[in-house]
Amino acid sequence: MTAATQLKAQDLNSDFKSQDELAAEAGRIAVAKVAPGMSHDEKDELLETAMMDVLDRNVATPWFADIATFAKGGAPAVPGKFLMHDEPRLPQMPEKPTLMDYLKKRVLLNKRGGSHLLQSAKLAQKNGLPEKLILACLLHDIAVVCHIRTDHGYYGAQMIEPYVDEETAWAIRYHQALRFFPDPSVGYEYPELYTRVFGEDYEPPAYVKKAYDDARNHKWYMSARLVTLNDLYSFDPNAKVDVEDFTDIIGRNFRQPKDGLGFDDSPSSHMWRSLIWPNNFL
């Protein structure tokens, strides 16, 4: 997919079709193209392509989502209109969205990533962590799940900083570095997952090592360490945790702006709006 993919107009007009209708039409198109022996990933790709085909706008993709095209000089100009604001492939957000709206209508659409967050928060709750750290576990990978992977601890902390206790945001920021460094005193070992995906000889970069040193000597070190201890790397994909279980914790520990999360002119409002309209041209 290029940085700006031309979407072919179909008999449908996306201005008059609901998300469910668009999804149903895309499903019919994809099913008709399924071939024997196709993998699950190939079928997913068919459905994604079909969903794009039922729209009637170009979709602007961030450059870091298509490195190959960017490295070759960027995508060529594409004629026609571009998608702006409401994305028909995503559930529509309310006028004044809450954190729970973002969780249900964005974060938890990523089933694997969303399940990881829910199970980590549930484990933290079971282990008796204070509510502000249960919330940290619920949101610790919010950037990875629906925003950006690189430096996800920093992005995630920045997103929630205006709305939570300072310790909550701090724990999310520094859990990123602490994951790479064992702490036998509390039973935290280097994740076997990292050995598999990064290799046995992987060394984190200097800024991550410095962040670890800074955190190790901070009064809230154990808060960030508790996030890593409850950060499930081998979670059960079939386990069911209801996000509603955390309604009261969110209510007591997340300051919901009256104008809606993303529309309150905080330093991170723009980051939340990018989850509402992820494919805006500008």
Protein backbone atom coordinates (compact mmCIF):
# COMPACT_ATOMS: atom_id res chain seq x y z
CA MET A 1 0.00 0.00 0.00
CA THR A 2 1.50 3.37 -0.96
CA ALA A 3 1.45 6.49 1.18
CA ALA A 4 -1.68 7.61 -0.61
CA THR A 5 -3.70 4.71 -2.00
CA GLN A 6 -6.25 5.41 -4.71
CA LEU A 7 -9.56 3.87 -3.69
CA LYS A 8 -11.84 2.83 -6.53
CA ALA A 9 -15.41 4.07 -6.48
CA GLN A 10 -17.98 1.33 -6.34
CA ASP A 11 -21.74 1.37 -6.79
CA LEU A 12 -21.79 2.16 -3.08
CA ASN A 13 -21.53 5.74 -1.92
CA SER A 14 -19.73 5.81 1.43
CA ASP A 15 -21.49 9.04 2.41
CA PHE A 16 -24.75 7.10 2.71
CA LYS A 17 -23.54 3.75 4.02
CA SER A 18 -23.16 2.87 7.67
CA GLN A 19 -20.05 1.13 8.98
CA ASP A 20 -21.97 -2.15 9.24
CA GLU A 21 -23.15 -1.86 5.64
CA LEU A 22 -19.63 -1.08 4.43
CA ALA A 23 -18.22 -4.01 6.39
CA ALA A 24 -20.89 -6.37 5.00
CA GLU A 25 -20.20 -5.28 1.42
CA ALA A 26 -16.45 -5.65 1.93
CA GLY A 27 -17.03 -9.11 3.39
CA ARG A 28 -18.97 -10.21 0.31
CA ILE A 29 -16.22 -8.92 -1.99
CA ALA A 30 -13.49 -10.66 0.04
CA VAL A 31 -15.34 -13.99 0.29
CA ALA A 32 -15.77 -14.07 -3.49
CA LYS A 33 -11.98 -13.83 -3.89
CA VAL A 34 -10.94 -16.47 -1.34
CA ALA A 35 -8.95 -19.28 -2.93
CA PRO A 36 -8.29 -22.78 -1.54
CA GLY A 37 -5.23 -22.98 0.68
CA MET A 38 -5.14 -19.28 1.55
CA SER A 39 -3.64 -18.50 4.96
CA HIS A 40 -5.47 -16.53 7.63
CA ASP A 41 -3.21 -13.53 6.98
CA GLU A 42 -3.93 -13.66 3.25
CA LYS A 43 -7.66 -13.69 3.96
CA ASP A 44 -7.25 -10.71 6.30
CA GLU A 45 -5.44 -8.86 3.52
CA LEU A 46 -8.29 -9.62 1.13
CA LEU A 47 -10.79 -8.17 3.59
CA GLU A 48 -8.68 -5.04 4.17
CA THR A 49 -8.33 -4.47 0.43
CA ALA A 50 -12.06 -5.01 -0.09
CA MET A 51 -12.89 -2.54 2.68
CA MET A 52 -10.72 0.08 0.99
CA ASP A 53 -12.36 -0.64 -2.33
CA VAL A 54 -15.82 0.29 -1.06
CA LEU A 55 -14.67 3.78 -0.10
CA ASP A 56 -14.54 6.67 -2.52
CA ARG A 57 -11.58 8.64 -1.15
CA ASN A 58 -7.79 8.45 -1.16
CA VAL A 59 -6.36 7.44 2.21
CA ALA A 60 -3.22 9.22 3.41
CA THR A 61 -0.89 6.82 5.22
CA PRO A 62 1.82 8.18 7.60
CA TRP A 63 5.28 7.92 6.04
CA PHE A 64 6.53 5.60 8.79
CA ALA A 65 3.83 3.11 7.81
CA ASP A 66 5.38 2.74 4.36
CA ILE A 67 9.13 3.07 4.75
CA ALA A 68 9.92 1.48 1.38
CA THR A 69 8.01 4.16 -0.54
CA PHE A 70 9.39 6.97 1.63
CA ALA A 71 12.97 5.78 1.19
CA LYS A 72 12.52 5.87 -2.59
CA GLY A 73 11.53 9.53 -2.56
CA GLY A 74 7.96 9.40 -1.34
CA ALA A 75 4.68 8.54 -3.00
CA PRO A 76 3.69 10.16 -6.29
CA ALA A 77 0.86 12.67 -6.37
CA VAL A 78 -2.58 11.06 -6.52
CA PRO A 79 -5.54 12.77 -8.15
CA GLY A 80 -8.94 12.98 -6.54
CA LYS A 81 -10.31 13.72 -3.11
CA PHE A 82 -8.81 12.53 0.15
CA LEU A 83 -10.48 11.13 3.23
CA MET A 84 -10.83 13.69 6.01
CA HIS A 85 -12.24 13.22 9.50
CA ASP A 86 -14.71 10.35 9.97
CA GLU A 87 -13.20 7.05 8.85
CA PRO A 88 -16.03 4.73 7.70
CA ARG A 89 -14.01 1.62 8.56
CA LEU A 90 -13.92 2.60 12.24
CA PRO A 91 -16.70 3.03 14.81
CA GLN A 92 -17.79 6.67 15.03
CA MET A 93 -16.73 8.47 18.19
CA PRO A 94 -19.13 10.61 20.23
CA GLU A 95 -18.89 14.40 20.18
CA LYS A 96 -17.22 14.48 23.60
CA PRO A 97 -15.34 11.18 23.86
CA THR A 98 -14.21 9.68 27.14
CA LEU A 99 -11.29 7.36 27.81
CA MET A 100 -13.75 4.47 27.86
CA ASP A 101 -14.94 5.48 24.37
CA TYR A 102 -11.35 5.33 23.11
CA LEU A 103 -10.81 1.96 24.76
CA LYS A 104 -13.95 0.43 23.29
CA LYS A 105 -13.92 2.07 19.84
CA ARG A 106 -10.18 2.17 19.13
CA VAL A 107 -7.84 0.35 21.52
CA LEU A 108 -9.83 -2.87 21.85
CA LEU A 109 -10.32 -3.15 18.09
CA ASN A 110 -6.78 -4.53 18.25
CA LYS A 111 -7.87 -7.82 19.78
CA ARG A 112 -4.45 -9.17 20.69
CA GLY A 113 -3.04 -5.87 21.95
CA GLY A 114 -6.26 -4.94 23.72
CA SER A 115 -6.46 -8.33 25.42
CA HIS A 116 -2.87 -7.89 26.60
CA LEU A 117 -3.75 -4.59 28.28
CA LEU A 118 -6.90 -5.95 29.91
CA GLN A 119 -5.16 -9.05 31.24
CA SER A 120 -2.19 -7.04 32.55
CA ALA A 121 -4.55 -4.70 34.41
CA LYS A 122 -6.53 -7.64 35.77
CA LEU A 123 -3.34 -9.26 37.03
CA ALA A 124 -2.33 -5.99 38.70
CA GLN A 125 -5.74 -5.83 40.35
CA LYS A 126 -5.43 -9.43 41.54
CA ASN A 127 -1.97 -8.67 42.93
CA GLY A 128 -3.35 -5.80 45.00
CA LEU A 129 -1.61 -2.89 43.27
CA PRO A 130 -2.91 0.62 44.03
CA GLU A 131 -5.50 1.91 41.59
CA LYS A 132 -3.16 4.43 39.95
CA LEU A 133 -0.85 1.55 39.00
CA ILE A 134 -3.70 -0.70 37.86
CA LEU A 135 -4.57 2.19 35.52
CA ALA A 136 -0.92 2.33 34.44
CA CYS A 137 -1.07 -1.37 33.55
CA LEU A 138 -4.31 -0.84 31.65
CA LEU A 139 -2.73 1.93 29.56
CA HIS A 140 0.97 1.02 29.53
CA ASP A 141 1.00 -0.10 25.87
CA ILE A 142 -1.70 2.20 24.52
CA ALA A 143 0.78 3.73 22.08
CA VAL A 144 1.89 0.32 20.74
CA VAL A 145 -1.69 -0.88 20.35
CA CYS A 146 -3.13 2.06 18.44
CA HIS A 147 -0.62 4.86 17.89
CA ILE A 148 3.09 4.14 17.35
CA ARG A 149 5.46 1.36 18.42
CA THR A 150 8.81 3.12 18.69
CA ASP A 151 9.44 4.71 22.12
CA HIS A 152 5.95 3.64 23.11
CA GLY A 153 6.54 4.32 26.80
CA TYR A 154 7.25 7.98 26.10
CA TYR A 155 4.33 8.39 23.70
CA GLY A 156 1.93 6.59 26.03
CA ALA A 157 2.97 8.68 29.03
CA GLN A 158 2.63 11.90 27.05
CA MET A 159 -0.87 10.95 25.95
CA ILE A 160 -2.20 10.47 29.47
CA GLU A 161 -0.02 12.92 31.44
CA PRO A 162 -2.56 15.78 31.66
CA TYR A 163 -5.24 13.48 33.05
CA VAL A 164 -3.61 11.19 35.62
CA ASP A 165 -1.47 11.21 38.74
CA GLU A 166 2.13 12.10 37.91
CA GLU A 167 3.29 8.72 39.20
CA THR A 168 1.02 6.87 36.77
CA ALA A 169 2.49 8.62 33.74
CA TRP A 170 6.03 8.24 35.11
CA ALA A 171 5.55 4.49 35.52
CA ILE A 172 4.38 4.13 31.92
CA ARG A 173 7.27 6.21 30.58
CA TYR A 174 9.97 4.24 32.38
CA HIS A 175 8.53 0.75 32.06
CA GLN A 176 9.87 0.90 28.49
CA ALA A 177 13.48 0.94 29.69
CA LEU A 178 13.01 -1.31 32.72
CA ARG A 179 11.74 -4.20 30.58
CA PHE A 180 15.30 -4.79 29.32
CA PHE A 181 16.91 -5.05 32.76
CA PRO A 182 16.31 -7.92 35.22
CA ASP A 183 15.68 -7.26 38.91
CA PRO A 184 16.15 -10.52 40.86
CA SER A 185 15.11 -8.81 44.10
CA VAL A 186 11.50 -8.74 42.91
CA GLY A 187 11.60 -11.75 40.61
CA TYR A 188 11.74 -9.90 37.30
CA GLU A 189 13.72 -11.74 34.63
CA TYR A 190 14.70 -10.66 31.14
CA PRO A 191 11.76 -11.73 28.94
CA GLU A 192 12.36 -14.87 26.93
CA LEU A 193 10.24 -13.22 24.23
CA TYR A 194 12.93 -10.57 23.74
CA THR A 195 15.60 -13.19 23.22
CA ARG A 196 13.45 -14.72 20.48
CA VAL A 197 12.56 -11.51 18.67
CA PHE A 198 15.72 -9.42 19.20
CA GLY A 199 18.39 -12.14 19.42
CA GLU A 200 20.61 -13.30 22.25
CA ASP A 201 23.20 -10.57 21.70
CA TYR A 202 20.81 -7.62 21.61
CA GLU A 203 21.93 -4.56 23.57
CA PRO A 204 19.48 -1.70 24.18
CA PRO A 205 20.71 1.70 22.95
CA ALA A 206 22.47 4.18 25.22
CA TYR A 207 19.41 6.35 25.86
CA VAL A 208 17.48 3.32 27.11
CA LYS A 209 20.35 2.38 29.44
CA LYS A 210 20.44 5.95 30.76
CA ALA A 211 16.68 5.91 31.31
CA TYR A 212 17.09 2.69 33.30
CA ASP A 213 19.84 4.24 35.45
CA ASP A 214 17.71 7.32 36.06
CA ALA A 215 14.69 5.21 36.98
CA ARG A 216 16.70 2.90 39.23
CA ASN A 217 17.60 5.83 41.45
CA HIS A 218 14.15 7.44 41.46
CA LYS A 219 11.63 7.33 44.29
CA TRP A 220 9.06 5.78 41.90
CA TYR A 221 11.33 3.05 40.58
CA MET A 222 9.15 0.32 42.03
CA SER A 223 6.02 1.79 40.42
CA ALA A 224 7.48 1.35 36.94
CA ARG A 225 8.93 -2.02 37.94
CA LEU A 226 5.48 -3.20 39.05
CA VAL A 227 4.18 -2.36 35.58
CA THR A 228 6.84 -4.65 34.08
CA LEU A 229 6.04 -7.37 36.61
CA ASN A 230 2.40 -7.32 35.55
CA ASP A 231 3.21 -6.87 31.84
CA LEU A 232 2.11 -10.29 30.62
CA TYR A 233 4.30 -11.55 27.77
CA SER A 234 2.59 -14.94 27.64
CA PHE A 235 -1.05 -14.05 28.04
CA ASP A 236 -4.04 -16.21 27.25
CA PRO A 237 -5.60 -15.10 23.93
CA ASN A 238 -8.83 -16.82 24.94
CA ALA A 239 -9.18 -15.23 28.38
CA LYS A 240 -12.13 -12.87 28.75
CA VAL A 241 -11.68 -9.65 30.71
CA ASP A 242 -14.38 -7.00 30.44
CA VAL A 243 -13.15 -3.43 30.14
CA GLU A 244 -16.20 -2.39 32.17
CA ASP A 245 -14.47 -4.01 35.17
CA PHE A 246 -12.23 -0.93 35.25
CA THR A 247 -14.98 1.72 35.02
CA ASP A 248 -14.70 2.81 38.65
CA ILE A 249 -10.89 2.82 38.62
CA ILE A 250 -10.90 5.01 35.52
CA GLY A 251 -13.52 7.27 37.08
CA ARG A 252 -11.45 7.82 40.21
CA ASN A 253 -8.04 8.09 38.56
CA PHE A 254 -8.50 9.62 35.10
CA ARG A 255 -9.59 13.27 34.86
CA GLN A 256 -12.11 13.31 32.03
CA PRO A 257 -12.13 16.75 30.32
CA LYS A 258 -15.60 18.26 30.03
CA ASP A 259 -15.08 19.16 26.36
CA GLY A 260 -14.13 15.59 25.50
CA LEU A 261 -10.77 13.84 25.37
CA GLY A 262 -9.03 15.31 22.35
CA PHE A 263 -10.90 18.62 22.38
CA ASP A 264 -9.70 20.18 25.64
CA ASP A 265 -6.56 21.95 24.33
CA SER A 266 -4.23 19.92 26.55
CA PRO A 267 -0.63 19.27 25.42
CA SER A 268 -1.72 15.83 24.21
CA SER A 269 -5.15 16.59 22.71
CA HIS A 270 -3.75 16.20 19.21
CA MET A 271 -2.59 12.68 20.00
CA TRP A 272 -6.09 11.62 20.99
CA ARG A 273 -7.61 13.29 17.92
CA SER A 274 -5.22 11.27 15.76
CA LEU A 275 -6.95 8.14 17.06
CA ILE A 276 -10.34 9.52 16.02
CA TRP A 277 -9.18 10.52 12.53
CA PRO A 278 -6.03 8.44 11.88
CA ASN A 279 -6.08 8.94 8.09
CA ASN A 280 -6.64 12.66 7.81
CA PHE A 281 -4.71 14.12 4.89
CA LEU A 282 -3.64 17.05 7.09
